Amino acid sequence: MKKITLILACSLVIACGDDDTRTDDDTDTTTPRDLGPGADLGPRPDLGPPVDMGQVDMGGGGTSMCPDGVCDLVTNAGCAAGEGCYFAASMPGEAPAPLCAPAGTLADGASCDSANACQEGFICVGDPGVCRRICCGDNDADCNPGTTGQLCLINIVDADMNPTGVGACQLPDDCDPIAQTGCDGSEACFPSGEGAFTCAAPGTGTQGEECGDTGCAAGFLCISQPDDMPAICAQVCEIADPSCGTDLGCGGLNGYDEIGVCVPAG
């Protein structure tokens, strides 16, 4: 499955010091300390079963799987009053992990430039940075404590492109993966799970080619294969009017009624 690819805003910076607390007027008076580079963000791993002419599982909505640390990134458990649980490095050069730091004041969608500039339960992602609600293990439920409609569409990976289990929430895009409309000129529309769609930078892979580090081209989706075989790109198709070509049929996608992916027929 294709997810949004971003970079954590600037570097992972945690503000600290004797005065690093939220004031009575809710103003952040922290002084940042640079704790090293942030982790890259990459594609959401495909969690589905072997592909056949039935339903392809897009993942999402599973059990929250935050990485271990001194606190819980989603619930903020383990941190004292006035602190938030952030995914950051405790020392320059160390790998990011959940840690407690003075909580910022910035809410969802606000511009940010440090790890704890955002309120507890949020993470600063992108360049320029934006505060997004934290989610873990591709769990869309982490994104919806009320009725935000957001999904766990941003996935944080380590320097070796391995998923860390940490993600960020964002509203799905109003785009069409068949007509490839609704995204800006540099992005393509991909199914992102639970009936939603996401605009993201396309790769180059086409039907049957390994997704690898290149990702899939516009109109294609990275799907799993049986027996630990490499994931491959498959064309997105319309169930009612497939155009998959010889020896291929339009297999369904879990969570979608009208589209599927082109897989071997029979």
C-alpha atoms as a PDB file:
ATOM      1  CA  MET A   1       0.000   0.000   0.000  1.00  0.00           C
ATOM      2  CA  LYS A   2       1.187   3.499  -0.784  1.00  0.00           C
ATOM      3  CA  LYS A   3       1.503   5.993   2.057  1.00  0.00           C
ATOM      4  CA  ILE A   4       2.601   9.595   2.214  1.00  0.00           C
ATOM      5  CA  THR A   5       6.374  10.054   2.311  1.00  0.00           C
ATOM      6  CA  LEU A   6       7.669  12.933   4.451  1.00  0.00           C
ATOM      7  CA  ILE A   7      10.697  13.954   6.491  1.00  0.00           C
ATOM      8  CA  LEU A   8      10.474  14.847  10.165  1.00  0.00           C
ATOM      9  CA  ALA A   9      10.604  18.639  10.467  1.00  0.00           C
ATOM     10  CA  CYS A  10      14.189  19.937  10.637  1.00  0.00           C
ATOM     11  CA  SER A  11      15.932  17.799  13.261  1.00  0.00           C
ATOM     12  CA  LEU A  12      14.526  16.020  16.273  1.00  0.00           C
ATOM     13  CA  VAL A  13      14.731  18.813  18.833  1.00  0.00           C
ATOM     14  CA  ILE A  14      13.526  18.619  22.402  1.00  0.00           C
ATOM     15  CA  ALA A  15      13.342  21.793  24.474  1.00  0.00           C
ATOM     16  CA  CYS A  16      14.744  21.490  27.981  1.00  0.00           C
ATOM     17  CA  GLY A  17      15.886  23.505  30.993  1.00  0.00           C
ATOM     18  CA  ASP A  18      14.555  24.757  34.315  1.00  0.00           C
ATOM     19  CA  ASP A  19      12.029  27.015  32.599  1.00  0.00           C
ATOM     20  CA  ASP A  20      10.829  24.435  30.097  1.00  0.00           C
ATOM     21  CA  THR A  21       7.211  24.367  31.208  1.00  0.00           C
ATOM     22  CA  ARG A  22       3.941  25.640  29.826  1.00  0.00           C
ATOM     23  CA  THR A  23       3.058  29.031  31.291  1.00  0.00           C
ATOM     24  CA  ASP A  24      -0.292  30.102  32.734  1.00  0.00           C
ATOM     25  CA  ASP A  25      -1.173  31.819  29.461  1.00  0.00           C
ATOM     26  CA  ASP A  26      -0.371  28.572  27.563  1.00  0.00           C
ATOM     27  CA  THR A  27       2.675  30.109  25.853  1.00  0.00           C
ATOM     28  CA  ASP A  28       5.631  27.887  25.016  1.00  0.00           C
ATOM     29  CA  THR A  29       8.785  29.417  26.545  1.00  0.00           C
ATOM     30  CA  THR A  30      11.153  26.533  25.791  1.00  0.00           C
ATOM     31  CA  THR A  31      14.696  26.832  24.467  1.00  0.00           C
ATOM     32  CA  PRO A  32      15.439  24.102  21.890  1.00  0.00           C
ATOM     33  CA  ARG A  33      18.398  21.732  22.155  1.00  0.00           C
ATOM     34  CA  ASP A  34      19.437  19.916  18.968  1.00  0.00           C
ATOM     35  CA  LEU A  35      19.235  16.149  19.448  1.00  0.00           C
ATOM     36  CA  GLY A  36      20.272  15.019  16.006  1.00  0.00           C
ATOM     37  CA  PRO A  37      18.584  14.281  12.689  1.00  0.00           C
ATOM     38  CA  GLY A  38      15.055  13.023  12.438  1.00  0.00           C
ATOM     39  CA  ALA A  39      13.931   9.719  11.011  1.00  0.00           C
ATOM     40  CA  ASP A  40      12.799   9.417   7.404  1.00  0.00           C
ATOM     41  CA  LEU A  41       9.178   8.683   6.597  1.00  0.00           C
ATOM     42  CA  GLY A  42       8.346   6.017   4.080  1.00  0.00           C
ATOM     43  CA  PRO A  43       5.637   3.784   2.647  1.00  0.00           C
ATOM     44  CA  ARG A  44       3.243   1.926   4.893  1.00  0.00           C
ATOM     45  CA  PRO A  45       4.222  -1.782   4.733  1.00  0.00           C
ATOM     46  CA  ASP A  46       1.755  -4.122   3.023  1.00  0.00           C
ATOM     47  CA  LEU A  47       0.125  -6.242   5.748  1.00  0.00           C
ATOM     48  CA  GLY A  48      -2.128  -8.272   3.441  1.00  0.00           C
ATOM     49  CA  PRO A  49      -2.341 -12.028   2.721  1.00  0.00           C
ATOM     50  CA  PRO A  50      -1.123 -13.635  -0.512  1.00  0.00           C
ATOM     51  CA  VAL A  51      -2.876 -12.090  -3.490  1.00  0.00           C
ATOM     52  CA  ASP A  52      -5.472 -14.110  -5.366  1.00  0.00           C
ATOM     53  CA  MET A  53      -8.655 -13.307  -7.251  1.00  0.00           C
ATOM     54  CA  GLY A  54     -10.416 -12.586  -3.966  1.00  0.00           C
ATOM     55  CA  GLN A  55      -9.957  -9.655  -1.617  1.00  0.00           C
ATOM     56  CA  VAL A  56      -6.537  -8.065  -1.081  1.00  0.00           C
ATOM     57  CA  ASP A  57      -6.133  -6.909   2.522  1.00  0.00           C
ATOM     58  CA  MET A  58      -5.010  -3.274   2.708  1.00  0.00           C
ATOM     59  CA  GLY A  59      -4.209  -3.410   6.433  1.00  0.00           C
ATOM     60  CA  GLY A  60      -5.047  -0.555   8.814  1.00  0.00           C
ATOM     61  CA  GLY A  61      -7.263  -0.461  11.859  1.00  0.00           C
ATOM     62  CA  GLY A  62      -5.133  -3.011  13.720  1.00  0.00           C
ATOM     63  CA  THR A  63      -3.797  -3.045  17.250  1.00  0.00           C
ATOM     64  CA  SER A  64      -1.666  -0.057  18.191  1.00  0.00           C
ATOM     65  CA  MET A  65       2.014  -1.058  18.254  1.00  0.00           C
ATOM     66  CA  CYS A  66       4.048   1.873  19.549  1.00  0.00           C
ATOM     67  CA  PRO A  67       7.773   1.209  20.089  1.00  0.00           C
ATOM     68  CA  ASP A  68       8.937   0.648  23.664  1.00  0.00           C
ATOM     69  CA  GLY A  69      10.124   3.627  25.660  1.00  0.00           C
ATOM     70  CA  VAL A  70       9.602   5.448  28.937  1.00  0.00           C
ATOM     71  CA  CYS A  71       6.121   6.556  27.877  1.00  0.00           C
ATOM     72  CA  ASP A  72       3.200   5.828  25.527  1.00  0.00           C
ATOM     73  CA  LEU A  73       3.113   8.043  22.419  1.00  0.00           C
ATOM     74  CA  VAL A  74      -0.658   7.781  21.971  1.00  0.00           C
ATOM     75  CA  THR A  75      -1.954   7.937  25.563  1.00  0.00           C
ATOM     76  CA  ASN A  76       0.910   9.978  27.089  1.00  0.00           C
ATOM     77  CA  ALA A  77       1.063   7.499  29.991  1.00  0.00           C
ATOM     78  CA  GLY A  78       4.392   7.569  31.816  1.00  0.00           C
ATOM     79  CA  CYS A  79       4.941  11.331  31.638  1.00  0.00           C
ATOM     80  CA  ALA A  80       4.381  13.879  34.408  1.00  0.00           C
ATOM     81  CA  ALA A  81       1.894  16.744  34.305  1.00  0.00           C
ATOM     82  CA  GLY A  82       2.979  19.373  31.783  1.00  0.00           C
ATOM     83  CA  GLU A  83       5.016  16.826  29.814  1.00  0.00           C
ATOM     84  CA  GLY A  84       4.278  15.031  26.560  1.00  0.00           C
ATOM     85  CA  CYS A  85       5.544  11.758  25.130  1.00  0.00           C
ATOM     86  CA  TYR A  86       7.532  12.458  21.953  1.00  0.00           C
ATOM     87  CA  PHE A  87       9.374  10.287  19.437  1.00  0.00           C
ATOM     88  CA  ALA A  88      12.862  11.781  19.638  1.00  0.00           C
ATOM     89  CA  ALA A  89      16.498  11.096  20.530  1.00  0.00           C
ATOM     90  CA  SER A  90      17.721  11.656  24.094  1.00  0.00           C
ATOM     91  CA  MET A  91      21.248  12.420  22.851  1.00  0.00           C
ATOM     92  CA  PRO A  92      22.640  13.551  19.473  1.00  0.00           C
ATOM     93  CA  GLY A  93      23.240  10.595  17.182  1.00  0.00           C
ATOM     94  CA  GLU A  94      21.000   8.191  19.095  1.00  0.00           C
ATOM     95  CA  ALA A  95      17.978   6.504  17.543  1.00  0.00           C
ATOM     96  CA  PRO A  96      14.608   8.135  18.268  1.00  0.00           C
ATOM     97  CA  ALA A  97      12.482   6.533  20.983  1.00  0.00           C
ATOM     98  CA  PRO A  98       9.464   7.541  23.102  1.00  0.00           C
ATOM     99  CA  LEU A  99      10.611   9.997  25.787  1.00  0.00           C
ATOM    100  CA  CYS A 100       9.048  12.619  28.043  1.00  0.00           C
ATOM    101  CA  ALA A 101       9.697  16.329  27.481  1.00  0.00           C
ATOM    102  CA  PRO A 102       7.956  19.629  28.332  1.00  0.00           C
ATOM    103  CA  ALA A 103       4.806  19.720  26.238  1.00  0.00           C
ATOM    104  CA  GLY A 104       4.354  22.331  23.538  1.00  0.00           C
ATOM    105  CA  THR A 105       1.184  24.241  22.768  1.00  0.00           C
ATOM    106  CA  LEU A 106       0.709  23.814  19.006  1.00  0.00           C
ATOM    107  CA  ALA A 107      -2.373  21.935  17.805  1.00  0.00           C
ATOM    108  CA  ASP A 108      -3.158  19.775  14.774  1.00  0.00           C
ATOM    109  CA  GLY A 109      -2.088  21.420  11.503  1.00  0.00           C
ATOM    110  CA  ALA A 110       0.044  24.146  13.113  1.00  0.00           C
ATOM    111  CA  SER A 111       3.529  24.911  11.766  1.00  0.00           C
ATOM    112  CA  CYS A 112       6.306  23.529  13.994  1.00  0.00           C
ATOM    113  CA  ASP A 113      10.094  23.402  14.096  1.00  0.00           C
ATOM    114  CA  SER A 114      10.923  21.176  17.072  1.00  0.00           C
ATOM    115  CA  ALA A 115       9.868  17.775  18.349  1.00  0.00           C
ATOM    116  CA  ASN A 116       7.978  19.100  21.360  1.00  0.00           C
ATOM    117  CA  ALA A 117       6.599  22.288  19.867  1.00  0.00           C
ATOM    118  CA  CYS A 118       3.351  20.332  19.368  1.00  0.00           C
ATOM    119  CA  GLN A 119       0.915  19.394  22.105  1.00  0.00           C
ATOM    120  CA  GLU A 120       1.201  15.983  23.758  1.00  0.00           C
ATOM    121  CA  GLY A 121      -0.128  13.269  21.471  1.00  0.00           C
ATOM    122  CA  PHE A 122       1.143  15.029  18.333  1.00  0.00           C
ATOM    123  CA  ILE A 123       4.335  14.813  16.263  1.00  0.00           C
ATOM    124  CA  CYS A 124       6.099  17.396  14.093  1.00  0.00           C
ATOM    125  CA  VAL A 125       6.509  16.014  10.558  1.00  0.00           C
ATOM    126  CA  GLY A 126       7.351  17.388   7.131  1.00  0.00           C
ATOM    127  CA  ASP A 127       9.421  20.218   5.707  1.00  0.00           C
ATOM    128  CA  PRO A 128       8.193  22.730   6.655  1.00  0.00           C
ATOM    129  CA  GLY A 129       7.020  21.007   9.815  1.00  0.00           C
ATOM    130  CA  VAL A 130       3.355  20.445  10.654  1.00  0.00           C
ATOM    131  CA  CYS A 131       1.852  19.047  13.874  1.00  0.00           C
ATOM    132  CA  ARG A 132       0.003  15.773  13.257  1.00  0.00           C
ATOM    133  CA  ARG A 133      -1.657  13.387  15.714  1.00  0.00           C
ATOM    134  CA  ILE A 134       0.519  10.345  16.501  1.00  0.00           C
ATOM    135  CA  CYS A 135      -0.616   6.839  15.540  1.00  0.00           C
ATOM    136  CA  CYS A 136       1.145   3.498  15.907  1.00  0.00           C
ATOM    137  CA  GLY A 137       1.169   0.211  14.035  1.00  0.00           C
ATOM    138  CA  ASP A 138      -0.979   1.592  11.180  1.00  0.00           C
ATOM    139  CA  ASN A 139      -3.855   1.834  13.662  1.00  0.00           C
ATOM    140  CA  ASP A 140      -6.419   4.225  12.172  1.00  0.00           C
ATOM    141  CA  ALA A 141      -8.322   4.205  15.482  1.00  0.00           C
ATOM    142  CA  ASP A 142      -5.479   6.214  17.060  1.00  0.00           C
ATOM    143  CA  CYS A 143      -6.387   9.042  14.685  1.00  0.00           C
ATOM    144  CA  ASN A 144     -10.043   9.255  15.575  1.00  0.00           C
ATOM    145  CA  PRO A 145     -10.594  10.038  19.264  1.00  0.00           C
ATOM    146  CA  GLY A 146     -13.512  12.174  18.141  1.00  0.00           C
ATOM    147  CA  THR A 147     -14.779  12.408  14.594  1.00  0.00           C
ATOM    148  CA  THR A 148     -11.736  13.808  12.802  1.00  0.00           C
ATOM    149  CA  GLY A 149     -12.023  11.432   9.846  1.00  0.00           C
ATOM    150  CA  GLN A 150      -8.233  11.156   9.734  1.00  0.00           C
ATOM    151  CA  LEU A 151      -6.363   7.914   9.029  1.00  0.00           C
ATOM    152  CA  CYS A 152      -2.862   6.690   9.895  1.00  0.00           C
ATOM    153  CA  LEU A 153      -1.458   7.685   6.486  1.00  0.00           C
ATOM    154  CA  ILE A 154       2.102   8.748   7.388  1.00  0.00           C
ATOM    155  CA  ASN A 155       4.632   6.113   8.421  1.00  0.00           C
ATOM    156  CA  ILE A 156       8.017   6.783  10.063  1.00  0.00           C
ATOM    157  CA  VAL A 157      10.913   4.524   9.100  1.00  0.00           C
ATOM    158  CA  ASP A 158      14.486   4.361  10.369  1.00  0.00           C
ATOM    159  CA  ALA A 159      17.650   5.142   8.419  1.00  0.00           C
ATOM    160  CA  ASP A 160      17.517   1.661   6.844  1.00  0.00           C
ATOM    161  CA  MET A 161      13.911   2.220   5.698  1.00  0.00           C
ATOM    162  CA  ASN A 162      12.555  -0.189   8.320  1.00  0.00           C
ATOM    163  CA  PRO A 163       9.214   0.806   9.901  1.00  0.00           C
ATOM    164  CA  THR A 164       9.537   2.116  13.457  1.00  0.00           C
ATOM    165  CA  GLY A 165       5.888   1.493  14.313  1.00  0.00           C
ATOM    166  CA  VAL A 166       5.256   5.235  14.661  1.00  0.00           C
ATOM    167  CA  GLY A 167       3.032   7.128  12.270  1.00  0.00           C
ATOM    168  CA  ALA A 168       1.029  10.323  11.925  1.00  0.00           C
ATOM    169  CA  CYS A 169      -2.589  11.046  11.059  1.00  0.00           C
ATOM    170  CA  GLN A 170      -3.960  12.934   8.094  1.00  0.00           C
ATOM    171  CA  LEU A 171      -7.241  13.286   6.244  1.00  0.00           C
ATOM    172  CA  PRO A 172      -7.448  11.110   3.126  1.00  0.00           C
ATOM    173  CA  ASP A 173      -7.323  12.923  -0.189  1.00  0.00           C
ATOM    174  CA  ASP A 174     -10.289  13.388  -2.527  1.00  0.00           C
ATOM    175  CA  CYS A 175      -8.680  11.861  -5.604  1.00  0.00           C
ATOM    176  CA  ASP A 176      -9.371   9.177  -8.215  1.00  0.00           C
ATOM    177  CA  PRO A 177      -6.809   6.335  -8.620  1.00  0.00           C
ATOM    178  CA  ILE A 178      -8.252   5.302 -12.012  1.00  0.00           C
ATOM    179  CA  ALA A 179      -8.553   8.701 -13.706  1.00  0.00           C
ATOM    180  CA  GLN A 180      -5.570  10.001 -11.678  1.00  0.00           C
ATOM    181  CA  THR A 181      -7.300  13.276 -10.858  1.00  0.00           C
ATOM    182  CA  GLY A 182      -7.413  15.284  -7.638  1.00  0.00           C
ATOM    183  CA  CYS A 183      -3.666  15.467  -6.902  1.00  0.00           C
ATOM    184  CA  ASP A 184      -1.166  18.133  -7.855  1.00  0.00           C
ATOM    185  CA  GLY A 185       1.127  17.678 -10.833  1.00  0.00           C
ATOM    186  CA  SER A 186       3.938  15.981  -8.925  1.00  0.00           C
ATOM    187  CA  GLU A 187       1.778  13.416  -7.112  1.00  0.00           C
ATOM    188  CA  ALA A 188      -0.424  10.443  -7.992  1.00  0.00           C
ATOM    189  CA  CYS A 189      -3.542   8.988  -6.347  1.00  0.00           C
ATOM    190  CA  PHE A 190      -3.203   5.653  -4.495  1.00  0.00           C
ATOM    191  CA  PRO A 191      -5.629   3.546  -2.424  1.00  0.00           C
ATOM    192  CA  SER A 192      -4.553   3.912   1.215  1.00  0.00           C
ATOM    193  CA  GLY A 193      -6.899   1.501   3.023  1.00  0.00           C
ATOM    194  CA  GLU A 194     -10.384   1.617   4.586  1.00  0.00           C
ATOM    195  CA  GLY A 195     -11.881   2.964   1.354  1.00  0.00           C
ATOM    196  CA  ALA A 196      -9.651   6.054   1.405  1.00  0.00           C
ATOM    197  CA  PHE A 197      -7.187   7.495  -1.108  1.00  0.00           C
ATOM    198  CA  THR A 198      -3.901   9.343  -0.733  1.00  0.00           C
ATOM    199  CA  CYS A 199      -1.907  11.705  -2.956  1.00  0.00           C
ATOM    200  CA  ALA A 200       1.797  10.814  -2.877  1.00  0.00           C
ATOM    201  CA  ALA A 201       4.875  10.973  -5.082  1.00  0.00           C
ATOM    202  CA  PRO A 202       4.740   8.052  -7.555  1.00  0.00           C
ATOM    203  CA  GLY A 203       7.480   5.525  -8.112  1.00  0.00           C
ATOM    204  CA  THR A 204       8.390   3.747 -11.333  1.00  0.00           C
ATOM    205  CA  GLY A 205       7.213   0.134 -10.925  1.00  0.00           C
ATOM    206  CA  THR A 206       4.496  -1.253 -13.216  1.00  0.00           C
ATOM    207  CA  GLN A 207       2.599  -4.564 -13.466  1.00  0.00           C
ATOM    208  CA  GLY A 208       4.540  -7.449 -11.919  1.00  0.00           C
ATOM    209  CA  GLU A 209       7.664  -5.440 -11.083  1.00  0.00           C
ATOM    210  CA  GLU A 210       9.040  -5.529  -7.540  1.00  0.00           C
ATOM    211  CA  CYS A 211       8.136  -2.501  -5.460  1.00  0.00           C
ATOM    212  CA  GLY A 212      11.539  -2.418  -3.763  1.00  0.00           C
ATOM    213  CA  ASP A 213      12.899   1.052  -3.129  1.00  0.00           C
ATOM    214  CA  THR A 214      11.387   2.432  -6.342  1.00  0.00           C
ATOM    215  CA  GLY A 215       7.705   2.197  -5.383  1.00  0.00           C
ATOM    216  CA  CYS A 216       4.900   1.916  -7.919  1.00  0.00           C
ATOM    217  CA  ALA A 217       3.997   4.238 -10.763  1.00  0.00           C
ATOM    218  CA  ALA A 218       0.748   6.191 -10.946  1.00  0.00           C
ATOM    219  CA  GLY A 219      -2.160   3.789 -11.403  1.00  0.00           C
ATOM    220  CA  PHE A 220      -0.391   0.875  -9.681  1.00  0.00           C
ATOM    221  CA  LEU A 221      -0.337  -0.409  -6.085  1.00  0.00           C
ATOM    222  CA  CYS A 222       2.291  -2.371  -4.120  1.00  0.00           C
ATOM    223  CA  ILE A 223       0.815  -5.730  -3.027  1.00  0.00           C
ATOM    224  CA  SER A 224       2.165  -8.773  -1.175  1.00  0.00           C
ATOM    225  CA  GLN A 225       2.852 -12.209  -2.654  1.00  0.00           C
ATOM    226  CA  PRO A 226       2.765 -15.703  -1.116  1.00  0.00           C
ATOM    227  CA  ASP A 227       5.696 -17.606   0.381  1.00  0.00           C
ATOM    228  CA  ASP A 228       7.692 -14.517   1.358  1.00  0.00           C
ATOM    229  CA  MET A 229       8.150 -13.551  -2.282  1.00  0.00           C
ATOM    230  CA  PRO A 230       8.919  -9.852  -2.898  1.00  0.00           C
ATOM    231  CA  ALA A 231       5.974  -7.452  -3.064  1.00  0.00           C
ATOM    232  CA  ILE A 232       5.080  -6.376  -6.585  1.00  0.00           C
ATOM    233  CA  CYS A 233       3.199  -3.573  -8.304  1.00  0.00           C
ATOM    234  CA  ALA A 234      -0.285  -4.294  -9.642  1.00  0.00           C
ATOM    235  CA  GLN A 235      -2.491  -2.066 -11.767  1.00  0.00           C
ATOM    236  CA  VAL A 236      -5.518  -0.528 -10.042  1.00  0.00           C
ATOM    237  CA  CYS A 237      -8.686  -1.529 -11.906  1.00  0.00           C
ATOM    238  CA  GLU A 238     -12.436  -0.977 -11.901  1.00  0.00           C
ATOM    239  CA  ILE A 239     -14.410  -4.040 -10.849  1.00  0.00           C
ATOM    240  CA  ALA A 240     -17.295  -3.192 -13.212  1.00  0.00           C
ATOM    241  CA  ASP A 241     -15.101  -2.407 -16.219  1.00  0.00           C
ATOM    242  CA  PRO A 242     -11.633  -3.934 -15.810  1.00  0.00           C
ATOM    243  CA  SER A 243      -8.883  -3.361 -18.346  1.00  0.00           C
ATOM    244  CA  CYS A 244      -6.176  -5.626 -16.977  1.00  0.00           C
ATOM    245  CA  GLY A 245      -5.041  -7.298 -20.172  1.00  0.00           C
ATOM    246  CA  THR A 246      -4.394 -10.908 -21.123  1.00  0.00           C
ATOM    247  CA  ASP A 247      -4.416 -13.574 -18.374  1.00  0.00           C
ATOM    248  CA  LEU A 248      -5.216 -10.992 -15.682  1.00  0.00           C
ATOM    249  CA  GLY A 249      -8.406 -10.262 -13.786  1.00  0.00           C
ATOM    250  CA  CYS A 250      -9.521  -7.508 -11.439  1.00  0.00           C
ATOM    251  CA  GLY A 251      -9.240  -8.880  -7.898  1.00  0.00           C
ATOM    252  CA  GLY A 252     -10.987  -6.950  -5.121  1.00  0.00           C
ATOM    253  CA  LEU A 253      -9.455  -4.848  -2.358  1.00  0.00           C
ATOM    254  CA  ASN A 254     -10.734  -5.067   1.204  1.00  0.00           C
ATOM    255  CA  GLY A 255     -12.549  -1.864   2.068  1.00  0.00           C
ATOM    256  CA  TYR A 256     -13.290  -0.940  -1.553  1.00  0.00           C
ATOM    257  CA  ASP A 257     -16.440  -1.777  -3.507  1.00  0.00           C
ATOM    258  CA  GLU A 258     -15.643  -0.404  -6.945  1.00  0.00           C
ATOM    259  CA  ILE A 259     -11.896  -0.881  -7.452  1.00  0.00           C
ATOM    260  CA  GLY A 260      -9.378  -3.706  -7.201  1.00  0.00           C
ATOM    261  CA  VAL A 261      -5.972  -4.681  -8.580  1.00  0.00           C
ATOM    262  CA  CYS A 262      -4.985  -6.706 -11.632  1.00  0.00           C
ATOM    263  CA  VAL A 263      -3.817 -10.193 -10.635  1.00  0.00           C
ATOM    264  CA  PRO A 264      -3.368 -13.494 -12.528  1.00  0.00           C
ATOM    265  CA  ALA A 265      -6.729 -14.968 -13.511  1.00  0.00           C
ATOM    266  CA  GLY A 266      -7.786 -18.479 -12.634  1.00  0.00           C
END
